[in-house]
Amino acid sequence: MDISPFFITDEYGYSLCLDTGEGFCREIFAAREHEGFEGSGYDWDALVAQYLNECMPYLIQYVIFDSEAGMFCAMSEDREVLEDLAKGLIELSQDKDRMADIFSRAEHI
């Protein structure tokens, strides 16, 4: 499965990354712009943390966030964990209503 625009690196363990400057799913974040969300790496942290809590709680213990403003980054010692997360996020991004619903409960991290 293609996980673009996400990508996995194997430098310093494994990292699932997304360049947030490209505007992927920007409309989801724009809906909560008045709350300070803008689609940054930190905002993706909030969305992905909520997604993990609701949809993949069995992965939470294996994922650590290390994002910056311009880059979402989730790290794990297990590449398969990040591959599963990436597949889930791609599927989620194809259902904007579901993604918006999950993001409606996300909190700033």
PDB file of N, CA and C in Angstrom:
ATOM      1  N   MET A   1       0.853  -1.188   0.000  1.00  0.00           N
ATOM      2  CA  MET A   1       0.000   0.000   0.000  1.00  0.00           C
ATOM      3  C   MET A   1       0.890   1.240   0.000  1.00  0.00           C
ATOM      4  N   ASP A   2       0.551   2.169  -0.843  1.00  0.00           N
ATOM      5  CA  ASP A   2       1.245   3.447  -0.903  1.00  0.00           C
ATOM      6  C   ASP A   2       0.821   4.293   0.297  1.00  0.00           C
ATOM      7  N   ILE A   3       1.777   4.828   1.039  1.00  0.00           N
ATOM      8  CA  ILE A   3       1.449   5.641   2.215  1.00  0.00           C
ATOM      9  C   ILE A   3       1.722   7.124   1.974  1.00  0.00           C
ATOM     10  N   SER A   4       1.945   7.514   0.729  1.00  0.00           N
ATOM     11  CA  SER A   4       2.178   8.920   0.403  1.00  0.00           C
ATOM     12  C   SER A   4       0.976   9.751   0.824  1.00  0.00           C
ATOM     13  N   PRO A   5       1.183  10.899   1.378  1.00  0.00           N
ATOM     14  CA  PRO A   5       2.396  11.698   1.502  1.00  0.00           C
ATOM     15  C   PRO A   5       3.232  11.389   2.758  1.00  0.00           C
ATOM     16  N   PHE A   6       2.837  10.390   3.522  1.00  0.00           N
ATOM     17  CA  PHE A   6       3.654   9.964   4.658  1.00  0.00           C
ATOM     18  C   PHE A   6       4.865   9.207   4.137  1.00  0.00           C
ATOM     19  N   PHE A   7       5.895   9.125   4.941  1.00  0.00           N
ATOM     20  CA  PHE A   7       7.054   8.318   4.590  1.00  0.00           C
ATOM     21  C   PHE A   7       7.707   7.822   5.872  1.00  0.00           C
ATOM     22  N   ILE A   8       8.416   6.710   5.764  1.00  0.00           N
ATOM     23  CA  ILE A   8       9.083   6.106   6.915  1.00  0.00           C
ATOM     24  C   ILE A   8      10.586   6.183   6.706  1.00  0.00           C
ATOM     25  N   THR A   9      11.284   6.636   7.726  1.00  0.00           N
ATOM     26  CA  THR A   9      12.744   6.655   7.694  1.00  0.00           C
ATOM     27  C   THR A   9      13.250   5.666   8.742  1.00  0.00           C
ATOM     28  N   ASP A  10      14.492   5.254   8.588  1.00  0.00           N
ATOM     29  CA  ASP A  10      15.065   4.319   9.565  1.00  0.00           C
ATOM     30  C   ASP A  10      16.294   4.906  10.238  1.00  0.00           C
ATOM     31  N   GLU A  11      16.355   6.226  10.261  1.00  0.00           N
ATOM     32  CA  GLU A  11      17.435   6.901  10.963  1.00  0.00           C
ATOM     33  C   GLU A  11      17.024   7.072  12.426  1.00  0.00           C
ATOM     34  N   TYR A  12      17.861   6.644  13.363  1.00  0.00           N
ATOM     35  CA  TYR A  12      17.556   6.721  14.806  1.00  0.00           C
ATOM     36  C   TYR A  12      16.318   5.895  15.149  1.00  0.00           C
ATOM     37  N   GLY A  13      16.266   4.678  14.733  1.00  0.00           N
ATOM     38  CA  GLY A  13      15.064   3.866  14.903  1.00  0.00           C
ATOM     39  C   GLY A  13      14.191   4.093  13.683  1.00  0.00           C
ATOM     40  N   TYR A  14      12.884   3.994  13.839  1.00  0.00           N
ATOM     41  CA  TYR A  14      11.974   4.201  12.719  1.00  0.00           C
ATOM     42  C   TYR A  14      11.105   5.413  13.008  1.00  0.00           C
ATOM     43  N   SER A  15      10.838   6.193  11.967  1.00  0.00           N
ATOM     44  CA  SER A  15      10.004   7.379  12.098  1.00  0.00           C
ATOM     45  C   SER A  15       9.011   7.430  10.949  1.00  0.00           C
ATOM     46  N   LEU A  16       7.763   7.669  11.288  1.00  0.00           N
ATOM     47  CA  LEU A  16       6.719   7.942  10.306  1.00  0.00           C
ATOM     48  C   LEU A  16       6.597   9.449  10.228  1.00  0.00           C
ATOM     49  N   CYS A  17       6.800  10.019   9.051  1.00  0.00           N
ATOM     50  CA  CYS A  17       6.855  11.471   8.911  1.00  0.00           C
ATOM     51  C   CYS A  17       5.874  11.975   7.861  1.00  0.00           C
ATOM     52  N   LEU A  18       5.557  13.276   7.991  1.00  0.00           N
ATOM     53  CA  LEU A  18       4.724  13.985   7.024  1.00  0.00           C
ATOM     54  C   LEU A  18       5.175  15.430   7.013  1.00  0.00           C
ATOM     55  N   ASP A  19       5.500  15.936   5.834  1.00  0.00           N
ATOM     56  CA  ASP A  19       5.829  17.350   5.678  1.00  0.00           C
ATOM     57  C   ASP A  19       4.513  18.122   5.718  1.00  0.00           C
ATOM     58  N   THR A  20       4.269  18.848   6.795  1.00  0.00           N
ATOM     59  CA  THR A  20       2.982  19.523   6.966  1.00  0.00           C
ATOM     60  C   THR A  20       2.851  20.765   6.086  1.00  0.00           C
ATOM     61  N   GLY A  21       3.939  21.218   5.511  1.00  0.00           N
ATOM     62  CA  GLY A  21       3.903  22.379   4.634  1.00  0.00           C
ATOM     63  C   GLY A  21       3.192  22.120   3.316  1.00  0.00           C
ATOM     64  N   GLU A  22       2.967  20.857   3.006  1.00  0.00           N
ATOM     65  CA  GLU A  22       2.303  20.510   1.751  1.00  0.00           C
ATOM     66  C   GLU A  22       0.781  20.611   1.838  1.00  0.00           C
ATOM     67  N   GLY A  23       0.249  20.803   3.037  1.00  0.00           N
ATOM     68  CA  GLY A  23      -1.179  21.050   3.198  1.00  0.00           C
ATOM     69  C   GLY A  23      -2.080  19.837   3.146  1.00  0.00           C
ATOM     70  N   PHE A  24      -1.536  18.652   3.375  1.00  0.00           N
ATOM     71  CA  PHE A  24      -2.353  17.442   3.355  1.00  0.00           C
ATOM     72  C   PHE A  24      -3.458  17.538   4.405  1.00  0.00           C
ATOM     73  N   CYS A  25      -4.697  17.382   3.990  1.00  0.00           N
ATOM     74  CA  CYS A  25      -5.882  17.429   4.863  1.00  0.00           C
ATOM     75  C   CYS A  25      -6.030  18.771   5.576  1.00  0.00           C
ATOM     76  N   ARG A  26      -5.568  19.822   4.984  1.00  0.00           N
ATOM     77  CA  ARG A  26      -5.612  21.149   5.600  1.00  0.00           C
ATOM     78  C   ARG A  26      -7.034  21.549   6.023  1.00  0.00           C
ATOM     79  N   GLU A  27      -8.038  21.132   5.252  1.00  0.00           N
ATOM     80  CA  GLU A  27      -9.418  21.519   5.565  1.00  0.00           C
ATOM     81  C   GLU A  27      -9.878  20.988   6.924  1.00  0.00           C
ATOM     82  N   ILE A  28      -9.333  19.874   7.354  1.00  0.00           N
ATOM     83  CA  ILE A  28      -9.683  19.311   8.662  1.00  0.00           C
ATOM     84  C   ILE A  28      -9.226  20.267   9.768  1.00  0.00           C
ATOM     85  N   PHE A  29      -8.027  20.782   9.635  1.00  0.00           N
ATOM     86  CA  PHE A  29      -7.480  21.691  10.642  1.00  0.00           C
ATOM     87  C   PHE A  29      -8.108  23.076  10.549  1.00  0.00           C
ATOM     88  N   ALA A  30      -8.451  23.504   9.341  1.00  0.00           N
ATOM     89  CA  ALA A  30      -9.049  24.823   9.139  1.00  0.00           C
ATOM     90  C   ALA A  30     -10.362  24.966   9.905  1.00  0.00           C
ATOM     91  N   ALA A  31     -11.072  23.856  10.067  1.00  0.00           N
ATOM     92  CA  ALA A  31     -12.340  23.887  10.794  1.00  0.00           C
ATOM     93  C   ALA A  31     -12.153  24.280  12.256  1.00  0.00           C
ATOM     94  N   ARG A  32     -10.941  24.111  12.794  1.00  0.00           N
ATOM     95  CA  ARG A  32     -10.673  24.472  14.195  1.00  0.00           C
ATOM     96  C   ARG A  32      -9.574  25.529  14.296  1.00  0.00           C
ATOM     97  N   GLU A  33      -9.418  26.287  13.226  1.00  0.00           N
ATOM     98  CA  GLU A  33      -8.402  27.334  13.186  1.00  0.00           C
ATOM     99  C   GLU A  33      -8.618  28.358  14.304  1.00  0.00           C
ATOM    100  N   HIS A  34      -9.870  28.635  14.626  1.00  0.00           N
ATOM    101  CA  HIS A  34     -10.182  29.588  15.690  1.00  0.00           C
ATOM    102  C   HIS A  34      -9.677  29.126  17.060  1.00  0.00           C
ATOM    103  N   GLU A  35      -9.344  27.834  17.181  1.00  0.00           N
ATOM    104  CA  GLU A  35      -8.799  27.286  18.419  1.00  0.00           C
ATOM    105  C   GLU A  35      -7.271  27.215  18.383  1.00  0.00           C
ATOM    106  N   GLY A  36      -6.685  27.684  17.291  1.00  0.00           N
ATOM    107  CA  GLY A  36      -5.239  27.701  17.171  1.00  0.00           C
ATOM    108  C   GLY A  36      -4.654  26.582  16.333  1.00  0.00           C
ATOM    109  N   PHE A  37      -5.493  25.689  15.804  1.00  0.00           N
ATOM    110  CA  PHE A  37      -4.996  24.619  14.941  1.00  0.00           C
ATOM    111  C   PHE A  37      -4.714  25.177  13.551  1.00  0.00           C
ATOM    112  N   GLU A  38      -3.592  24.781  12.984  1.00  0.00           N
ATOM    113  CA  GLU A  38      -3.231  25.265  11.651  1.00  0.00           C
ATOM    114  C   GLU A  38      -2.677  24.180  10.742  1.00  0.00           C
ATOM    115  N   GLY A  39      -2.619  22.963  11.217  1.00  0.00           N
ATOM    116  CA  GLY A  39      -2.096  21.871  10.402  1.00  0.00           C
ATOM    117  C   GLY A  39      -0.613  21.611  10.595  1.00  0.00           C
ATOM    118  N   SER A  40      -0.048  22.122  11.682  1.00  0.00           N
ATOM    119  CA  SER A  40       1.377  21.921  11.975  1.00  0.00           C
ATOM    120  C   SER A  40       1.629  20.477  12.415  1.00  0.00           C
ATOM    121  N   GLY A  41       2.906  20.154  12.582  1.00  0.00           N
ATOM    122  CA  GLY A  41       3.258  18.833  13.096  1.00  0.00           C
ATOM    123  C   GLY A  41       2.639  18.577  14.456  1.00  0.00           C
ATOM    124  N   TYR A  42       2.565  19.614  15.283  1.00  0.00           N
ATOM    125  CA  TYR A  42       1.972  19.468  16.615  1.00  0.00           C
ATOM    126  C   TYR A  42       0.470  19.190  16.507  1.00  0.00           C
ATOM    127  N   ASP A  43      -0.177  19.805  15.524  1.00  0.00           N
ATOM    128  CA  ASP A  43      -1.602  19.566  15.319  1.00  0.00           C
ATOM    129  C   ASP A  43      -1.851  18.143  14.830  1.00  0.00           C
ATOM    130  N   TRP A  44      -0.952  17.650  13.985  1.00  0.00           N
ATOM    131  CA  TRP A  44      -1.036  16.250  13.564  1.00  0.00           C
ATOM    132  C   TRP A  44      -0.836  15.325  14.754  1.00  0.00           C
ATOM    133  N   ASP A  45       0.057  15.703  15.675  1.00  0.00           N
ATOM    134  CA  ASP A  45       0.219  14.913  16.903  1.00  0.00           C
ATOM    135  C   ASP A  45      -1.124  14.745  17.605  1.00  0.00           C
ATOM    136  N   ALA A  46      -1.853  15.860  17.737  1.00  0.00           N
ATOM    137  CA  ALA A  46      -3.141  15.836  18.427  1.00  0.00           C
ATOM    138  C   ALA A  46      -4.132  14.925  17.707  1.00  0.00           C
ATOM    139  N   LEU A  47      -4.202  15.050  16.396  1.00  0.00           N
ATOM    140  CA  LEU A  47      -5.104  14.210  15.605  1.00  0.00           C
ATOM    141  C   LEU A  47      -4.716  12.736  15.709  1.00  0.00           C
ATOM    142  N   VAL A  48      -3.455  12.434  15.527  1.00  0.00           N
ATOM    143  CA  VAL A  48      -3.009  11.039  15.537  1.00  0.00           C
ATOM    144  C   VAL A  48      -3.142  10.428  16.928  1.00  0.00           C
ATOM    145  N   ALA A  49      -2.873  11.198  17.960  1.00  0.00           N
ATOM    146  CA  ALA A  49      -3.049  10.691  19.328  1.00  0.00           C
ATOM    147  C   ALA A  49      -4.514  10.314  19.566  1.00  0.00           C
ATOM    148  N   GLN A  50      -5.431  11.160  19.116  1.00  0.00           N
ATOM    149  CA  GLN A  50      -6.854  10.860  19.280  1.00  0.00           C
ATOM    150  C   GLN A  50      -7.233   9.642  18.443  1.00  0.00           C
ATOM    151  N   TYR A  51      -6.714   9.576  17.239  1.00  0.00           N
ATOM    152  CA  TYR A  51      -6.977   8.425  16.367  1.00  0.00           C
ATOM    153  C   TYR A  51      -6.479   7.131  17.022  1.00  0.00           C
ATOM    154  N   LEU A  52      -5.279   7.162  17.553  1.00  0.00           N
ATOM    155  CA  LEU A  52      -4.756   5.977  18.237  1.00  0.00           C
ATOM    156  C   LEU A  52      -5.637   5.596  19.419  1.00  0.00           C
ATOM    157  N   ASN A  53      -6.042   6.572  20.214  1.00  0.00           N
ATOM    158  CA  ASN A  53      -6.894   6.293  21.376  1.00  0.00           C
ATOM    159  C   ASN A  53      -8.197   5.614  20.975  1.00  0.00           C
ATOM    160  N   GLU A  54      -8.785   6.080  19.894  1.00  0.00           N
ATOM    161  CA  GLU A  54     -10.095   5.581  19.499  1.00  0.00           C
ATOM    162  C   GLU A  54     -10.049   4.352  18.596  1.00  0.00           C
ATOM    163  N   CYS A  55      -9.040   4.267  17.746  1.00  0.00           N
ATOM    164  CA  CYS A  55      -9.054   3.252  16.695  1.00  0.00           C
ATOM    165  C   CYS A  55      -7.945   2.212  16.770  1.00  0.00           C
ATOM    166  N   MET A  56      -6.839   2.549  17.397  1.00  0.00           N
ATOM    167  CA  MET A  56      -5.712   1.617  17.462  1.00  0.00           C
ATOM    168  C   MET A  56      -5.056   1.667  18.837  1.00  0.00           C
ATOM    169  N   PRO A  57      -5.824   1.513  19.903  1.00  0.00           N
ATOM    170  CA  PRO A  57      -5.246   1.658  21.248  1.00  0.00           C
ATOM    171  C   PRO A  57      -4.126   0.662  21.547  1.00  0.00           C
ATOM    172  N   TYR A  58      -4.112  -0.454  20.852  1.00  0.00           N
ATOM    173  CA  TYR A  58      -3.073  -1.464  21.058  1.00  0.00           C
ATOM    174  C   TYR A  58      -1.695  -0.990  20.560  1.00  0.00           C
ATOM    175  N   LEU A  59      -1.638   0.109  19.812  1.00  0.00           N
ATOM    176  CA  LEU A  59      -0.355   0.638  19.330  1.00  0.00           C
ATOM    177  C   LEU A  59       0.197   1.776  20.183  1.00  0.00           C
ATOM    178  N   ILE A  60      -0.630   2.353  21.046  1.00  0.00           N
ATOM    179  CA  ILE A  60      -0.243   3.553  21.797  1.00  0.00           C
ATOM    180  C   ILE A  60       1.097   3.376  22.506  1.00  0.00           C
ATOM    181  N   GLN A  61       1.301   2.262  23.156  1.00  0.00           N
ATOM    182  CA  GLN A  61       2.525   2.058  23.943  1.00  0.00           C
ATOM    183  C   GLN A  61       3.779   1.969  23.087  1.00  0.00           C
ATOM    184  N   TYR A  62       3.615   1.816  21.772  1.00  0.00           N
ATOM    185  CA  TYR A  62       4.766   1.654  20.890  1.00  0.00           C
ATOM    186  C   TYR A  62       5.118   2.913  20.086  1.00  0.00           C
ATOM    187  N   VAL A  63       4.331   3.979  20.254  1.00  0.00           N
ATOM    188  CA  VAL A  63       4.507   5.189  19.443  1.00  0.00           C
ATOM    189  C   VAL A  63       4.866   6.370  20.323  1.00  0.00           C
ATOM    190  N   ILE A  64       5.876   7.109  19.893  1.00  0.00           N
ATOM    191  CA  ILE A  64       6.303   8.340  20.566  1.00  0.00           C
ATOM    192  C   ILE A  64       6.277   9.455  19.531  1.00  0.00           C
ATOM    193  N   PHE A  65       5.727  10.597  19.896  1.00  0.00           N
ATOM    194  CA  PHE A  65       5.679  11.737  18.983  1.00  0.00           C
ATOM    195  C   PHE A  65       6.916  12.602  19.161  1.00  0.00           C
ATOM    196  N   ASP A  66       7.441  13.067  18.034  1.00  0.00           N
ATOM    197  CA  ASP A  66       8.609  13.954  18.041  1.00  0.00           C
ATOM    198  C   ASP A  66       8.486  14.959  16.902  1.00  0.00           C
ATOM    199  N   SER A  67       7.329  15.591  16.816  1.00  0.00           N
ATOM    200  CA  SER A  67       7.050  16.504  15.718  1.00  0.00           C
ATOM    201  C   SER A  67       7.647  17.878  15.939  1.00  0.00           C
ATOM    202  N   GLU A  68       7.678  18.627  14.861  1.00  0.00           N
ATOM    203  CA  GLU A  68       8.054  20.036  14.860  1.00  0.00           C
ATOM    204  C   GLU A  68       6.955  20.769  14.105  1.00  0.00           C
ATOM    205  N   ALA A  69       7.040  22.073  14.052  1.00  0.00           N
ATOM    206  CA  ALA A  69       5.993  22.846  13.383  1.00  0.00           C
ATOM    207  C   ALA A  69       5.770  22.391  11.946  1.00  0.00           C
ATOM    208  N   GLY A  70       6.828  22.163  11.197  1.00  0.00           N
ATOM    209  CA  GLY A  70       6.707  21.827   9.787  1.00  0.00           C
ATOM    210  C   GLY A  70       6.749  20.351   9.460  1.00  0.00           C
ATOM    211  N   MET A  71       6.827  19.495  10.478  1.00  0.00           N
ATOM    212  CA  MET A  71       6.968  18.062  10.214  1.00  0.00           C
ATOM    213  C   MET A  71       6.296  17.253  11.321  1.00  0.00           C
ATOM    214  N   PHE A  72       5.352  16.400  10.924  1.00  0.00           N
ATOM    215  CA  PHE A  72       4.788  15.415  11.847  1.00  0.00           C
ATOM    216  C   PHE A  72       5.762  14.255  11.899  1.00  0.00           C
ATOM    217  N   CYS A  73       6.016  13.747  13.100  1.00  0.00           N
ATOM    218  CA  CYS A  73       6.927  12.613  13.250  1.00  0.00           C
ATOM    219  C   CYS A  73       6.473  11.739  14.412  1.00  0.00           C
ATOM    220  N   ALA A  74       6.177  10.483  14.101  1.00  0.00           N
ATOM    221  CA  ALA A  74       5.868   9.471  15.115  1.00  0.00           C
ATOM    222  C   ALA A  74       6.970   8.428  15.044  1.00  0.00           C
ATOM    223  N   MET A  75       7.524   8.084  16.188  1.00  0.00           N
ATOM    224  CA  MET A  75       8.655   7.165  16.226  1.00  0.00           C
ATOM    225  C   MET A  75       8.275   5.862  16.915  1.00  0.00           C
ATOM    226  N   SER A  76       8.952   4.794  16.511  1.00  0.00           N
ATOM    227  CA  SER A  76       8.765   3.494  17.135  1.00  0.00           C
ATOM    228  C   SER A  76      10.005   2.653  16.868  1.00  0.00           C
ATOM    229  N   GLU A  77      10.240   1.704  17.729  1.00  0.00           N
ATOM    230  CA  GLU A  77      11.321   0.751  17.493  1.00  0.00           C
ATOM    231  C   GLU A  77      10.884  -0.330  16.513  1.00  0.00           C
ATOM    232  N   ASP A  78       9.596  -0.391  16.227  1.00  0.00           N
ATOM    233  CA  ASP A  78       9.014  -1.431  15.384  1.00  0.00           C
ATOM    234  C   ASP A  78       8.452  -0.812  14.103  1.00  0.00           C
ATOM    235  N   ARG A  79       9.088  -1.067  12.988  1.00  0.00           N
ATOM    236  CA  ARG A  79       8.653  -0.510  11.706  1.00  0.00           C
ATOM    237  C   ARG A  79       7.214  -0.924  11.376  1.00  0.00           C
ATOM    238  N   GLU A  80       6.866  -2.145  11.705  1.00  0.00           N
ATOM    239  CA  GLU A  80       5.522  -2.645  11.406  1.00  0.00           C
ATOM    240  C   GLU A  80       4.439  -1.828  12.105  1.00  0.00           C
ATOM    241  N   VAL A  81       4.714  -1.360  13.309  1.00  0.00           N
ATOM    242  CA  VAL A  81       3.777  -0.496  14.027  1.00  0.00           C
ATOM    243  C   VAL A  81       3.514   0.768  13.211  1.00  0.00           C
ATOM    244  N   LEU A  82       4.575   1.375  12.705  1.00  0.00           N
ATOM    245  CA  LEU A  82       4.429   2.607  11.927  1.00  0.00           C
ATOM    246  C   LEU A  82       3.767   2.354  10.580  1.00  0.00           C
ATOM    247  N   GLU A  83       4.038   1.216   9.988  1.00  0.00           N
ATOM    248  CA  GLU A  83       3.369   0.860   8.734  1.00  0.00           C
ATOM    249  C   GLU A  83       1.868   0.709   8.959  1.00  0.00           C
ATOM    250  N   ASP A  84       1.481   0.044  10.046  1.00  0.00           N
ATOM    251  CA  ASP A  84       0.059  -0.110  10.374  1.00  0.00           C
ATOM    252  C   ASP A  84      -0.587   1.247  10.641  1.00  0.00           C
ATOM    253  N   LEU A  85       0.118   2.096  11.373  1.00  0.00           N
ATOM    254  CA  LEU A  85      -0.398   3.437  11.653  1.00  0.00           C
ATOM    255  C   LEU A  85      -0.557   4.222  10.353  1.00  0.00           C
ATOM    256  N   ALA A  86       0.430   4.168   9.487  1.00  0.00           N
ATOM    257  CA  ALA A  86       0.358   4.887   8.212  1.00  0.00           C
ATOM    258  C   ALA A  86      -0.830   4.412   7.376  1.00  0.00           C
ATOM    259  N   LYS A  87      -1.026   3.112   7.295  1.00  0.00           N
ATOM    260  CA  LYS A  87      -2.160   2.566   6.542  1.00  0.00           C
ATOM    261  C   LYS A  87      -3.477   3.065   7.121  1.00  0.00           C
ATOM    262  N   GLY A  88      -3.559   3.081   8.449  1.00  0.00           N
ATOM    263  CA  GLY A  88      -4.769   3.578   9.098  1.00  0.00           C
ATOM    264  C   GLY A  88      -5.007   5.047   8.815  1.00  0.00           C
ATOM    265  N   LEU A  89      -3.940   5.842   8.824  1.00  0.00           N
ATOM    266  CA  LEU A  89      -4.085   7.280   8.566  1.00  0.00           C
ATOM    267  C   LEU A  89      -4.460   7.557   7.112  1.00  0.00           C
ATOM    268  N   ILE A  90      -3.942   6.770   6.192  1.00  0.00           N
ATOM    269  CA  ILE A  90      -4.323   6.927   4.785  1.00  0.00           C
ATOM    270  C   ILE A  90      -5.799   6.600   4.617  1.00  0.00           C
ATOM    271  N   GLU A  91      -6.245   5.515   5.207  1.00  0.00           N
ATOM    272  CA  GLU A  91      -7.668   5.159   5.144  1.00  0.00           C
ATOM    273  C   GLU A  91      -8.523   6.244   5.776  1.00  0.00           C
ATOM    274  N   LEU A  92      -8.084   6.763   6.923  1.00  0.00           N
ATOM    275  CA  LEU A  92      -8.816   7.829   7.600  1.00  0.00           C
ATOM    276  C   LEU A  92      -8.906   9.065   6.713  1.00  0.00           C
ATOM    277  N   SER A  93      -7.821   9.420   6.050  1.00  0.00           N
ATOM    278  CA  SER A  93      -7.808  10.629   5.216  1.00  0.00           C
ATOM    279  C   SER A  93      -8.751  10.519   4.031  1.00  0.00           C
ATOM    280  N   GLN A  94      -9.147   9.316   3.675  1.00  0.00           N
ATOM    281  CA  GLN A  94     -10.078   9.118   2.570  1.00  0.00           C
ATOM    282  C   GLN A  94     -11.536   9.247   3.016  1.00  0.00           C
ATOM    283  N   ASP A  95     -11.752   9.374   4.318  1.00  0.00           N
ATOM    284  CA  ASP A  95     -13.090   9.564   4.882  1.00  0.00           C
ATOM    285  C   ASP A  95     -13.054  10.844   5.717  1.00  0.00           C
ATOM    286  N   LYS A  96     -13.214  11.971   5.029  1.00  0.00           N
ATOM    287  CA  LYS A  96     -13.050  13.279   5.678  1.00  0.00           C
ATOM    288  C   LYS A  96     -14.037  13.491   6.827  1.00  0.00           C
ATOM    289  N   ASP A  97     -15.251  12.973   6.708  1.00  0.00           N
ATOM    290  CA  ASP A  97     -16.224  13.133   7.786  1.00  0.00           C
ATOM    291  C   ASP A  97     -15.761  12.418   9.051  1.00  0.00           C
ATOM    292  N   ARG A  98     -15.261  11.212   8.888  1.00  0.00           N
ATOM    293  CA  ARG A  98     -14.754  10.457  10.043  1.00  0.00           C
ATOM    294  C   ARG A  98     -13.522  11.136  10.630  1.00  0.00           C
ATOM    295  N   MET A  99     -12.657  11.609   9.751  1.00  0.00           N
ATOM    296  CA  MET A  99     -11.449  12.292  10.209  1.00  0.00           C
ATOM    297  C   MET A  99     -11.816  13.555  10.999  1.00  0.00           C
ATOM    298  N   ALA A 100     -12.755  14.331  10.489  1.00  0.00           N
ATOM    299  CA  ALA A 100     -13.202  15.543  11.179  1.00  0.00           C
ATOM    300  C   ALA A 100     -13.836  15.202  12.525  1.00  0.00           C
ATOM    301  N   ASP A 101     -14.583  14.113  12.564  1.00  0.00           N
ATOM    302  CA  ASP A 101     -15.211  13.684  13.814  1.00  0.00           C
ATOM    303  C   ASP A 101     -14.158  13.331  14.858  1.00  0.00           C
ATOM    304  N   ILE A 102     -13.171  12.552  14.476  1.00  0.00           N
ATOM    305  CA  ILE A 102     -12.103  12.186  15.419  1.00  0.00           C
ATOM    306  C   ILE A 102     -11.335  13.430  15.846  1.00  0.00           C
ATOM    307  N   PHE A 103     -11.035  14.310  14.898  1.00  0.00           N
ATOM    308  CA  PHE A 103     -10.287  15.521  15.218  1.00  0.00           C
ATOM    309  C   PHE A 103     -11.089  16.460  16.115  1.00  0.00           C
ATOM    310  N   SER A 104     -12.403  16.386  16.079  1.00  0.00           N
ATOM    311  CA  SER A 104     -13.234  17.260  16.929  1.00  0.00           C
ATOM    312  C   SER A 104     -12.988  16.997  18.422  1.00  0.00           C
ATOM    313  N   ARG A 105     -12.470  15.825  18.747  1.00  0.00           N
ATOM    314  CA  ARG A 105     -12.190  15.478  20.141  1.00  0.00           C
ATOM    315  C   ARG A 105     -10.704  15.582  20.495  1.00  0.00           C
ATOM    316  N   ALA A 106      -9.883  15.950  19.539  1.00  0.00           N
ATOM    317  CA  ALA A 106      -8.440  16.068  19.761  1.00  0.00           C
ATOM    318  C   ALA A 106      -8.127  17.328  20.584  1.00  0.00           C
ATOM    319  N   GLU A 107      -7.122  17.214  21.408  1.00  0.00           N
ATOM    320  CA  GLU A 107      -6.685  18.337  22.229  1.00  0.00           C
ATOM    321  C   GLU A 107      -5.253  18.708  21.863  1.00  0.00           C
ATOM    322  N   HIS A 108      -4.952  20.005  22.006  1.00  0.00           N
ATOM    323  CA  HIS A 108      -3.571  20.430  21.758  1.00  0.00           C
ATOM    324  C   HIS A 108      -2.620  19.625  22.631  1.00  0.00           C
ATOM    325  N   ILE A 109      -1.521  19.203  22.030  1.00  0.00           N
ATOM    326  CA  ILE A 109      -0.527  18.438  22.780  1.00  0.00           C
ATOM    327  C   ILE A 109       0.631  19.367  23.117  1.00  0.00           C
TER     328      ILE A 109
END
